[in-house]
PDB file of N, CA and C in Angstrom:
ATOM      1  N   MET A   1      50.139  81.251 126.545  1.00  0.00           N
ATOM      2  CA  MET A   1      50.368  79.711 126.992  1.00  0.00           C
ATOM      3  C   MET A   1      51.394  79.070 126.138  1.00  0.00           C
ATOM      4  N   VAL A   2      51.940  79.819 124.838  1.00  0.00           N
ATOM      5  CA  VAL A   2      52.985  78.847 124.007  1.00  0.00           C
ATOM      6  C   VAL A   2      54.269  79.374 125.035  1.00  0.00           C
ATOM      7  N   ALA A   3      54.146  80.199 125.579  1.00  0.00           N
ATOM      8  CA  ALA A   3      55.619  80.706 126.228  1.00  0.00           C
ATOM      9  C   ALA A   3      55.793  80.450 127.341  1.00  0.00           C
ATOM     10  N   GLU A   4      54.645  79.515 128.044  1.00  0.00           N
ATOM     11  CA  GLU A   4      54.634  79.075 129.092  1.00  0.00           C
ATOM     12  C   GLU A   4      55.224  77.726 128.946  1.00  0.00           C
ATOM     13  N   ASN A   5      54.819  77.213 127.762  1.00  0.00           N
ATOM     14  CA  ASN A   5      55.367  75.767 127.482  1.00  0.00           C
ATOM     15  C   ASN A   5      57.144  75.546 127.143  1.00  0.00           C
ATOM     16  N   LYS A   6      57.544  76.744 127.014  1.00  0.00           N
ATOM     17  CA  LYS A   6      59.012  76.793 126.468  1.00  0.00           C
ATOM     18  C   LYS A   6      59.858  76.619 127.350  1.00  0.00           C
ATOM     19  N   ALA A   7      59.555  76.544 128.231  1.00  0.00           N
ATOM     20  CA  ALA A   7      60.349  76.793 129.479  1.00  0.00           C
ATOM     21  C   ALA A   7      61.224  74.937 129.570  1.00  0.00           C
ATOM     22  N   GLY A   8      62.374  75.118 129.447  1.00  0.00           N
ATOM     23  CA  GLY A   8      62.965  73.704 129.160  1.00  0.00           C
ATOM     24  C   GLY A   8      63.719  73.472 130.710  1.00  0.00           C
ATOM     25  N   LEU A   9      64.955  72.577 130.102  1.00  0.00           N
ATOM     26  CA  LEU A   9      65.855  72.347 131.691  1.00  0.00           C
ATOM     27  C   LEU A   9      66.379  73.571 132.109  1.00  0.00           C
ATOM     28  N   ASN A  10      66.704  73.064 133.444  1.00  0.00           N
ATOM     29  CA  ASN A  10      66.562  74.684 134.658  1.00  0.00           C
ATOM     30  C   ASN A  10      65.864  75.546 134.145  1.00  0.00           C
ATOM     31  N   GLY A  11      64.846  75.745 133.793  1.00  0.00           N
ATOM     32  CA  GLY A  11      63.682  76.442 133.743  1.00  0.00           C
ATOM     33  C   GLY A  11      64.098  77.607 132.757  1.00  0.00           C
ATOM     34  N   ARG A  12      65.152  77.428 131.750  1.00  0.00           N
ATOM     35  CA  ARG A  12      65.541  78.426 130.939  1.00  0.00           C
ATOM     36  C   ARG A  12      64.463  78.077 129.842  1.00  0.00           C
ATOM     37  N   ARG A  13      64.307  79.248 129.166  1.00  0.00           N
ATOM     38  CA  ARG A  13      63.037  79.298 127.986  1.00  0.00           C
ATOM     39  C   ARG A  13      64.158  79.096 126.514  1.00  0.00           C
ATOM     40  N   ALA A  14      63.393  78.368 125.455  1.00  0.00           N
ATOM     41  CA  ALA A  14      63.877  77.744 124.739  1.00  0.00           C
ATOM     42  C   ALA A  14      64.385  78.698 124.034  1.00  0.00           C
ATOM     43  N   ASP A  15      64.020  79.898 123.835  1.00  0.00           N
ATOM     44  CA  ASP A  15      64.334  80.976 123.009  1.00  0.00           C
ATOM     45  C   ASP A  15      65.638  81.663 123.371  1.00  0.00           C
ATOM     46  N   ASP A  16      65.522  81.641 125.014  1.00  0.00           N
ATOM     47  CA  ASP A  16      66.690  82.221 125.585  1.00  0.00           C
ATOM     48  C   ASP A  16      68.081  81.186 125.329  1.00  0.00           C
ATOM     49  N   ALA A  17      67.908  79.946 124.914  1.00  0.00           N
ATOM     50  CA  ALA A  17      68.861  79.226 124.572  1.00  0.00           C
ATOM     51  C   ALA A  17      69.405  79.603 123.285  1.00  0.00           C
ATOM     52  N   ASP A  18      68.277  79.900 122.277  1.00  0.00           N
ATOM     53  CA  ASP A  18      68.771  79.920 120.959  1.00  0.00           C
ATOM     54  C   ASP A  18      69.606  81.373 120.543  1.00  0.00           C
ATOM     55  N   SER A  19      69.212  82.224 121.544  1.00  0.00           N
ATOM     56  CA  SER A  19      69.765  83.470 121.504  1.00  0.00           C
ATOM     57  C   SER A  19      71.173  83.364 121.694  1.00  0.00           C
ATOM     58  N   GLN A  20      71.854  82.490 122.297  1.00  0.00           N
ATOM     59  CA  GLN A  20      72.916  82.286 123.031  1.00  0.00           C
ATOM     60  C   GLN A  20      73.748  81.519 121.825  1.00  0.00           C
ATOM     61  N   HIS A  21      73.351  80.896 121.103  1.00  0.00           N
ATOM     62  CA  HIS A  21      74.107  79.844 120.029  1.00  0.00           C
ATOM     63  C   HIS A  21      73.674  80.563 118.510  1.00  0.00           C
ATOM     64  N   SER A  22      74.765  81.228 117.963  1.00  0.00           N
ATOM     65  CA  SER A  22      73.969  81.542 116.900  1.00  0.00           C
ATOM     66  C   SER A  22      74.428  80.545 115.616  1.00  0.00           C
ATOM     67  N   TYR A  23      73.812  79.813 115.140  1.00  0.00           N
ATOM     68  CA  TYR A  23      73.772  78.857 114.370  1.00  0.00           C
ATOM     69  C   TYR A  23      72.626  78.364 113.523  1.00  0.00           C
ATOM     70  N   ALA A  24      72.814  77.883 111.959  1.00  0.00           N
ATOM     71  CA  ALA A  24      72.029  77.951 111.227  1.00  0.00           C
ATOM     72  C   ALA A  24      71.145  76.660 111.545  1.00  0.00           C
ATOM     73  N   LEU A  25      70.396  76.108 111.478  1.00  0.00           N
ATOM     74  CA  LEU A  25      69.736  74.930 111.349  1.00  0.00           C
ATOM     75  C   LEU A  25      69.132  74.545 110.140  1.00  0.00           C
ATOM     76  N   PRO A  26      69.754  73.347 109.778  1.00  0.00           N
ATOM     77  CA  PRO A  26      69.074  73.045 108.064  1.00  0.00           C
ATOM     78  C   PRO A  26      67.471  73.088 108.280  1.00  0.00           C
ATOM     79  N   LYS A  27      67.370  73.249 106.501  1.00  0.00           N
ATOM     80  CA  LYS A  27      65.973  73.328 106.353  1.00  0.00           C
ATOM     81  C   LYS A  27      65.357  71.950 106.532  1.00  0.00           C
ATOM     82  N   ILE A  28      64.118  71.933 107.236  1.00  0.00           N
ATOM     83  CA  ILE A  28      63.725  70.636 107.162  1.00  0.00           C
ATOM     84  C   ILE A  28      62.820  69.980 106.144  1.00  0.00           C
ATOM     85  N   ASP A  29      63.393  68.943 105.503  1.00  0.00           N
ATOM     86  CA  ASP A  29      62.620  68.498 104.760  1.00  0.00           C
ATOM     87  C   ASP A  29      63.052  66.856 104.523  1.00  0.00           C
ATOM     88  N   PHE A  30      62.316  66.206 103.527  1.00  0.00           N
ATOM     89  CA  PHE A  30      62.433  64.671 103.649  1.00  0.00           C
ATOM     90  C   PHE A  30      63.834  64.329 103.485  1.00  0.00           C
ATOM     91  N   SER A  31      64.748  64.983 102.446  1.00  0.00           N
ATOM     92  CA  SER A  31      66.132  64.667 102.342  1.00  0.00           C
ATOM     93  C   SER A  31      67.308  65.191 103.674  1.00  0.00           C
ATOM     94  N   THR A  32      66.589  66.183 104.210  1.00  0.00           N
ATOM     95  CA  THR A  32      67.578  65.821 105.741  1.00  0.00           C
ATOM     96  C   THR A  32      67.168  64.834 106.877  1.00  0.00           C
ATOM     97  N   PHE A  33      65.791  64.977 106.845  1.00  0.00           N
ATOM     98  CA  PHE A  33      65.448  63.784 107.597  1.00  0.00           C
ATOM     99  C   PHE A  33      66.318  62.803 107.417  1.00  0.00           C
ATOM    100  N   VAL A  34      66.719  61.873 106.154  1.00  0.00           N
ATOM    101  CA  VAL A  34      67.232  60.838 105.618  1.00  0.00           C
ATOM    102  C   VAL A  34      68.433  60.701 105.879  1.00  0.00           C
ATOM    103  N   LEU A  35      69.203  61.858 105.520  1.00  0.00           N
ATOM    104  CA  LEU A  35      70.393  62.348 106.126  1.00  0.00           C
ATOM    105  C   LEU A  35      70.497  62.427 107.347  1.00  0.00           C
ATOM    106  N   SER A  36      69.662  62.592 108.286  1.00  0.00           N
ATOM    107  CA  SER A  36      69.944  63.001 109.782  1.00  0.00           C
ATOM    108  C   SER A  36      70.003  61.058 110.543  1.00  0.00           C
ATOM    109  N   ILE A  37      69.221  60.580 109.539  1.00  0.00           N
ATOM    110  CA  ILE A  37      69.127  58.865 110.180  1.00  0.00           C
ATOM    111  C   ILE A  37      70.355  58.051 109.697  1.00  0.00           C
ATOM    112  N   ASN A  38      70.844  58.735 108.295  1.00  0.00           N
ATOM    113  CA  ASN A  38      72.193  58.006 108.017  1.00  0.00           C
ATOM    114  C   ASN A  38      72.897  58.433 108.793  1.00  0.00           C
ATOM    115  N   SER A  39      73.183  59.764 109.349  1.00  0.00           N
ATOM    116  CA  SER A  39      74.380  60.074 110.432  1.00  0.00           C
ATOM    117  C   SER A  39      74.166  58.932 111.417  1.00  0.00           C
ATOM    118  N   SER A  40      72.903  58.835 112.451  1.00  0.00           N
ATOM    119  CA  SER A  40      72.870  57.894 113.277  1.00  0.00           C
ATOM    120  C   SER A  40      73.308  56.299 112.821  1.00  0.00           C
ATOM    121  N   SER A  41      72.938  56.128 111.848  1.00  0.00           N
ATOM    122  CA  SER A  41      73.369  54.783 111.378  1.00  0.00           C
ATOM    123  C   SER A  41      74.781  54.687 111.316  1.00  0.00           C
ATOM    124  N   LEU A  42      75.727  55.835 110.988  1.00  0.00           N
ATOM    125  CA  LEU A  42      77.345  55.838 110.947  1.00  0.00           C
ATOM    126  C   LEU A  42      77.651  55.836 112.180  1.00  0.00           C
ATOM    127  N   VAL A  43      77.043  56.208 113.185  1.00  0.00           N
ATOM    128  CA  VAL A  43      77.442  56.215 114.299  1.00  0.00           C
ATOM    129  C   VAL A  43      77.424  54.954 115.111  1.00  0.00           C
ATOM    130  N   GLN A  44      76.122  54.507 114.639  1.00  0.00           N
ATOM    131  CA  GLN A  44      76.068  52.853 115.076  1.00  0.00           C
ATOM    132  C   GLN A  44      76.649  51.947 114.601  1.00  0.00           C
ATOM    133  N   LEU A  45      77.600  52.333 113.379  1.00  0.00           N
ATOM    134  CA  LEU A  45      78.134  51.212 112.841  1.00  0.00           C
ATOM    135  C   LEU A  45      79.395  51.345 113.337  1.00  0.00           C
ATOM    136  N   GLY A  46      80.021  52.341 114.127  1.00  0.00           N
ATOM    137  CA  GLY A  46      81.110  52.786 114.781  1.00  0.00           C
ATOM    138  C   GLY A  46      81.970  53.299 113.814  1.00  0.00           C
ATOM    139  N   LEU A  47      81.481  54.310 112.830  1.00  0.00           N
ATOM    140  CA  LEU A  47      82.279  54.766 111.589  1.00  0.00           C
ATOM    141  C   LEU A  47      82.326  55.943 112.168  1.00  0.00           C
ATOM    142  N   LEU A  48      81.406  56.806 113.016  1.00  0.00           N
ATOM    143  CA  LEU A  48      81.406  58.021 113.152  1.00  0.00           C
ATOM    144  C   LEU A  48      81.668  58.144 114.770  1.00  0.00           C
ATOM    145  N   GLU A  49      82.300  59.219 115.576  1.00  0.00           N
ATOM    146  CA  GLU A  49      82.198  59.178 116.934  1.00  0.00           C
ATOM    147  C   GLU A  49      80.363  59.853 117.294  1.00  0.00           C
ATOM    148  N   ASP A  50      80.121  59.239 118.477  1.00  0.00           N
ATOM    149  CA  ASP A  50      78.954  59.678 119.043  1.00  0.00           C
ATOM    150  C   ASP A  50      78.901  61.255 119.547  1.00  0.00           C
ATOM    151  N   PRO A  51      78.322  62.113 118.926  1.00  0.00           N
ATOM    152  CA  PRO A  51      78.448  63.172 119.224  1.00  0.00           C
ATOM    153  C   PRO A  51      78.309  63.425 121.313  1.00  0.00           C
ATOM    154  N   ALA A  52      77.385  62.793 121.571  1.00  0.00           N
ATOM    155  CA  ALA A  52      77.481  63.029 123.294  1.00  0.00           C
ATOM    156  C   ALA A  52      78.386  62.335 123.663  1.00  0.00           C
ATOM    157  N   SER A  53      79.118  61.227 123.516  1.00  0.00           N
ATOM    158  CA  SER A  53      80.478  60.942 124.156  1.00  0.00           C
ATOM    159  C   SER A  53      81.561  60.994 123.671  1.00  0.00           C
ATOM    160  N   GLY A  54      81.878  61.314 122.470  1.00  0.00           N
ATOM    161  CA  GLY A  54      83.173  61.620 121.552  1.00  0.00           C
ATOM    162  C   GLY A  54      83.977  60.374 121.010  1.00  0.00           C
ATOM    163  N   GLN A  55      83.042  59.301 121.441  1.00  0.00           N
ATOM    164  CA  GLN A  55      83.570  57.702 121.498  1.00  0.00           C
ATOM    165  C   GLN A  55      82.953  57.125 120.317  1.00  0.00           C
ATOM    166  N   LYS A  56      83.821  56.132 119.259  1.00  0.00           N
ATOM    167  CA  LYS A  56      83.413  55.506 118.121  1.00  0.00           C
ATOM    168  C   LYS A  56      83.086  54.155 118.657  1.00  0.00           C
ATOM    169  N   THR A  57      81.851  53.523 118.899  1.00  0.00           N
ATOM    170  CA  THR A  57      81.618  52.449 119.576  1.00  0.00           C
ATOM    171  C   THR A  57      80.053  51.885 118.408  1.00  0.00           C
ATOM    172  N   LYS A  58      80.237  50.469 118.265  1.00  0.00           N
ATOM    173  CA  LYS A  58      79.657  49.635 117.215  1.00  0.00           C
ATOM    174  C   LYS A  58      78.313  49.028 118.152  1.00  0.00           C
ATOM    175  N   ASN A  59      77.394  49.458 117.287  1.00  0.00           N
ATOM    176  CA  ASN A  59      75.969  48.914 117.940  1.00  0.00           C
ATOM    177  C   ASN A  59      75.355  48.118 117.023  1.00  0.00           C
ATOM    178  N   LEU A  60      75.744  47.256 116.367  1.00  0.00           N
ATOM    179  CA  LEU A  60      75.301  46.504 114.908  1.00  0.00           C
ATOM    180  C   LEU A  60      73.740  46.047 115.112  1.00  0.00           C
ATOM    181  N   PRO A  61      73.007  45.735 116.175  1.00  0.00           N
ATOM    182  CA  PRO A  61      71.550  45.577 116.215  1.00  0.00           C
ATOM    183  C   PRO A  61      71.093  46.838 116.005  1.00  0.00           C
ATOM    184  N   LEU A  62      71.284  47.468 116.687  1.00  0.00           N
ATOM    185  CA  LEU A  62      70.657  49.125 116.365  1.00  0.00           C
ATOM    186  C   LEU A  62      70.878  49.593 115.297  1.00  0.00           C
ATOM    187  N   ALA A  63      72.238  49.363 114.550  1.00  0.00           N
ATOM    188  CA  ALA A  63      72.191  49.623 112.928  1.00  0.00           C
ATOM    189  C   ALA A  63      71.581  49.476 112.094  1.00  0.00           C
ATOM    190  N   LYS A  64      71.164  47.887 112.346  1.00  0.00           N
ATOM    191  CA  LYS A  64      70.471  46.979 111.235  1.00  0.00           C
ATOM    192  C   LYS A  64      69.024  47.379 111.740  1.00  0.00           C
ATOM    193  N   GLN A  65      68.364  48.110 112.731  1.00  0.00           N
ATOM    194  CA  GLN A  65      66.994  48.156 112.936  1.00  0.00           C
ATOM    195  C   GLN A  65      67.100  49.646 112.355  1.00  0.00           C
ATOM    196  N   THR A  66      67.882  50.677 112.256  1.00  0.00           N
ATOM    197  CA  THR A  66      68.151  52.032 111.433  1.00  0.00           C
ATOM    198  C   THR A  66      67.753  51.989 110.381  1.00  0.00           C
ATOM    199  N   ILE A  67      68.632  50.817 109.723  1.00  0.00           N
ATOM    200  CA  ILE A  67      68.596  50.240 108.128  1.00  0.00           C
ATOM    201  C   ILE A  67      67.191  49.919 107.760  1.00  0.00           C
ATOM    202  N   ASP A  68      66.664  48.884 108.896  1.00  0.00           N
ATOM    203  CA  ASP A  68      65.318  48.357 108.301  1.00  0.00           C
ATOM    204  C   ASP A  68      64.461  49.729 108.530  1.00  0.00           C
ATOM    205  N   LEU A  69      64.533  50.636 109.467  1.00  0.00           N
ATOM    206  CA  LEU A  69      63.615  51.769 109.506  1.00  0.00           C
ATOM    207  C   LEU A  69      63.750  52.371 108.109  1.00  0.00           C
ATOM    208  N   LEU A  70      64.684  52.630 107.382  1.00  0.00           N
ATOM    209  CA  LEU A  70      64.974  53.208 106.330  1.00  0.00           C
ATOM    210  C   LEU A  70      64.297  52.374 105.189  1.00  0.00           C
ATOM    211  N   ALA A  71      64.141  51.574 105.208  1.00  0.00           N
ATOM    212  CA  ALA A  71      63.939  50.359 103.992  1.00  0.00           C
ATOM    213  C   ALA A  71      62.427  50.648 104.121  1.00  0.00           C
ATOM    214  N   MET A  72      61.996  50.516 105.646  1.00  0.00           N
ATOM    215  CA  MET A  72      60.551  50.602 105.612  1.00  0.00           C
ATOM    216  C   MET A  72      59.724  51.820 105.191  1.00  0.00           C
ATOM    217  N   LEU A  73      60.759  53.357 105.145  1.00  0.00           N
ATOM    218  CA  LEU A  73      60.358  54.238 105.044  1.00  0.00           C
ATOM    219  C   LEU A  73      60.464  54.392 103.447  1.00  0.00           C
ATOM    220  N   GLU A  74      61.469  53.617 102.538  1.00  0.00           N
ATOM    221  CA  GLU A  74      61.387  53.696 101.201  1.00  0.00           C
ATOM    222  C   GLU A  74      60.018  52.892 100.703  1.00  0.00           C
ATOM    223  N   GLU A  75      59.539  52.089 101.426  1.00  0.00           N
ATOM    224  CA  GLU A  75      58.469  51.187 100.759  1.00  0.00           C
ATOM    225  C   GLU A  75      57.232  51.760 101.294  1.00  0.00           C
ATOM    226  N   LYS A  76      57.066  52.484 102.317  1.00  0.00           N
ATOM    227  CA  LYS A  76      55.829  53.490 102.573  1.00  0.00           C
ATOM    228  C   LYS A  76      55.868  54.598 101.566  1.00  0.00           C
ATOM    229  N   THR A  77      56.803  55.167 101.420  1.00  0.00           N
ATOM    230  CA  THR A  77      56.727  56.600 100.390  1.00  0.00           C
ATOM    231  C   THR A  77      57.008  56.194  98.956  1.00  0.00           C
ATOM    232  N   LYS A  78      57.101  54.994  98.311  1.00  0.00           N
ATOM    233  CA  LYS A  78      57.255  54.533  97.376  1.00  0.00           C
ATOM    234  C   LYS A  78      55.673  55.266  96.530  1.00  0.00           C
ATOM    235  N   GLY A  79      56.511  56.032  95.057  1.00  0.00           N
ATOM    236  CA  GLY A  79      55.624  56.571  94.152  1.00  0.00           C
ATOM    237  C   GLY A  79      55.088  58.314  94.759  1.00  0.00           C
ATOM    238  N   ASN A  80      55.795  58.667  96.017  1.00  0.00           N
ATOM    239  CA  ASN A  80      55.406  59.803  96.561  1.00  0.00           C
ATOM    240  C   ASN A  80      56.639  60.960  96.693  1.00  0.00           C
ATOM    241  N   LEU A  81      57.435  60.275  96.462  1.00  0.00           N
ATOM    242  CA  LEU A  81      58.839  61.217  96.481  1.00  0.00           C
ATOM    243  C   LEU A  81      59.458  61.683  95.032  1.00  0.00           C
ATOM    244  N   THR A  82      59.945  63.196  95.255  1.00  0.00           N
ATOM    245  CA  THR A  82      60.746  63.317  94.139  1.00  0.00           C
ATOM    246  C   THR A  82      61.729  62.487  93.672  1.00  0.00           C
ATOM    247  N   SER A  83      62.231  62.655  92.449  1.00  0.00           N
ATOM    248  CA  SER A  83      63.478  61.923  92.024  1.00  0.00           C
ATOM    249  C   SER A  83      64.416  62.226  92.920  1.00  0.00           C
ATOM    250  N   ASP A  84      64.588  63.200  93.217  1.00  0.00           N
ATOM    251  CA  ASP A  84      65.936  63.779  94.056  1.00  0.00           C
ATOM    252  C   ASP A  84      66.060  62.865  95.525  1.00  0.00           C
ATOM    253  N   GLU A  85      64.692  63.104  96.094  1.00  0.00           N
ATOM    254  CA  GLU A  85      64.724  62.203  97.282  1.00  0.00           C
ATOM    255  C   GLU A  85      64.409  60.622  97.133  1.00  0.00           C
ATOM    256  N   GLU A  86      64.108  60.022  96.161  1.00  0.00           N
ATOM    257  CA  GLU A  86      64.268  58.891  95.959  1.00  0.00           C
ATOM    258  C   GLU A  86      65.496  58.143  95.753  1.00  0.00           C
ATOM    259  N   ASN A  87      66.257  59.165  95.268  1.00  0.00           N
ATOM    260  CA  ASN A  87      67.806  58.792  94.662  1.00  0.00           C
ATOM    261  C   ASN A  87      68.459  58.646  96.172  1.00  0.00           C
ATOM    262  N   ILE A  88      68.422  59.850  96.955  1.00  0.00           N
ATOM    263  CA  ILE A  88      69.029  59.894  97.810  1.00  0.00           C
ATOM    264  C   ILE A  88      68.918  58.769  99.123  1.00  0.00           C
ATOM    265  N   LEU A  89      67.487  58.437  99.259  1.00  0.00           N
ATOM    266  CA  LEU A  89      67.258  57.157 100.045  1.00  0.00           C
ATOM    267  C   LEU A  89      67.649  56.262  99.434  1.00  0.00           C
ATOM    268  N   LYS A  90      67.512  55.716  98.397  1.00  0.00           N
ATOM    269  CA  LYS A  90      67.854  54.543  97.658  1.00  0.00           C
ATOM    270  C   LYS A  90      69.500  54.334  97.586  1.00  0.00           C
ATOM    271  N   ASN A  91      70.416  55.714  97.810  1.00  0.00           N
ATOM    272  CA  ASN A  91      71.625  55.485  97.520  1.00  0.00           C
ATOM    273  C   ASN A  91      72.364  55.658  99.199  1.00  0.00           C
ATOM    274  N   ILE A  92      71.604  56.131  99.764  1.00  0.00           N
ATOM    275  CA  ILE A  92      71.782  55.797 101.335  1.00  0.00           C
ATOM    276  C   ILE A  92      71.589  54.617 101.720  1.00  0.00           C
ATOM    277  N   LEU A  93      70.667  53.717 101.385  1.00  0.00           N
ATOM    278  CA  LEU A  93      70.046  52.416 102.025  1.00  0.00           C
ATOM    279  C   LEU A  93      71.541  51.743 101.480  1.00  0.00           C
ATOM    280  N   TYR A  94      71.794  51.973 100.312  1.00  0.00           N
ATOM    281  CA  TYR A  94      72.611  50.835  99.384  1.00  0.00           C
ATOM    282  C   TYR A  94      74.126  50.897 100.406  1.00  0.00           C
ATOM    283  N   GLU A  95      74.463  52.130 100.673  1.00  0.00           N
ATOM    284  CA  GLU A  95      75.842  52.343 101.053  1.00  0.00           C
ATOM    285  C   GLU A  95      75.870  51.903 102.867  1.00  0.00           C
ATOM    286  N   LEU A  96      74.427  52.075 103.612  1.00  0.00           N
ATOM    287  CA  LEU A  96      74.540  51.421 104.835  1.00  0.00           C
ATOM    288  C   LEU A  96      74.274  50.222 104.491  1.00  0.00           C
ATOM    289  N   ARG A  97      73.992  49.185 103.581  1.00  0.00           N
ATOM    290  CA  ARG A  97      73.787  48.043 103.851  1.00  0.00           C
ATOM    291  C   ARG A  97      75.045  47.400 103.385  1.00  0.00           C
ATOM    292  N   MET A  98      75.991  48.016 102.636  1.00  0.00           N
ATOM    293  CA  MET A  98      77.374  47.491 102.242  1.00  0.00           C
ATOM    294  C   MET A  98      78.119  47.686 103.548  1.00  0.00           C
ATOM    295  N   LEU A  99      77.959  49.105 104.119  1.00  0.00           N
ATOM    296  CA  LEU A  99      78.826  49.012 105.274  1.00  0.00           C
ATOM    297  C   LEU A  99      78.471  48.169 106.575  1.00  0.00           C
ATOM    298  N   TYR A 100      77.050  47.731 106.763  1.00  0.00           N
ATOM    299  CA  TYR A 100      76.574  46.748 107.672  1.00  0.00           C
ATOM    300  C   TYR A 100      77.644  45.880 107.362  1.00  0.00           C
ATOM    301  N   VAL A 101      77.148  45.153 106.360  1.00  0.00           N
ATOM    302  CA  VAL A 101      77.834  43.739 105.787  1.00  0.00           C
ATOM    303  C   VAL A 101      79.382  43.695 106.527  1.00  0.00           C
ATOM    304  N   LYS A 102      80.019  44.848 105.711  1.00  0.00           N
ATOM    305  CA  LYS A 102      81.560  44.939 106.033  1.00  0.00           C
ATOM    306  C   LYS A 102      81.671  44.798 107.374  1.00  0.00           C
ATOM    307  N   GLU A 103      80.973  45.408 108.250  1.00  0.00           N
ATOM    308  CA  GLU A 103      81.396  45.685 109.751  1.00  0.00           C
ATOM    309  C   GLU A 103      80.832  44.423 110.477  1.00  0.00           C
ATOM    310  N   LYS A 104      79.719  43.757 110.234  1.00  0.00           N
ATOM    311  CA  LYS A 104      79.537  42.633 110.879  1.00  0.00           C
ATOM    312  C   LYS A 104      80.779  41.254 110.415  1.00  0.00           C
ATOM    313  N   GLY A 105      80.985  41.667 109.649  1.00  0.00           N
ATOM    314  CA  GLY A 105      82.282  40.852 108.793  1.00  0.00           C
ATOM    315  C   GLY A 105      82.168  39.177 109.235  1.00  0.00           C
TER     316      GLY A 105
END
């Protein structure tokens, strides 16, 4: 039953697509999750190219919402993070807030 659910777009199986691309995915943990959201924010701030379009475009309302999402995550996980995770989240939030203010100018 699991194999039946692996069919993706164009009827290709997920494991077929994976075998054609030999790249290592990062380990999934809290830090890589936060770093992924950070990357999305940098795209929304117009500081990085959108991987889909190759263009740099600003979407400040979406960037603000993403920064607010990280702030909510910080609040909801308070006391449950390792010191490294807490520092990553705190530093990324600070940097994104400063960049947002600069871009909003």
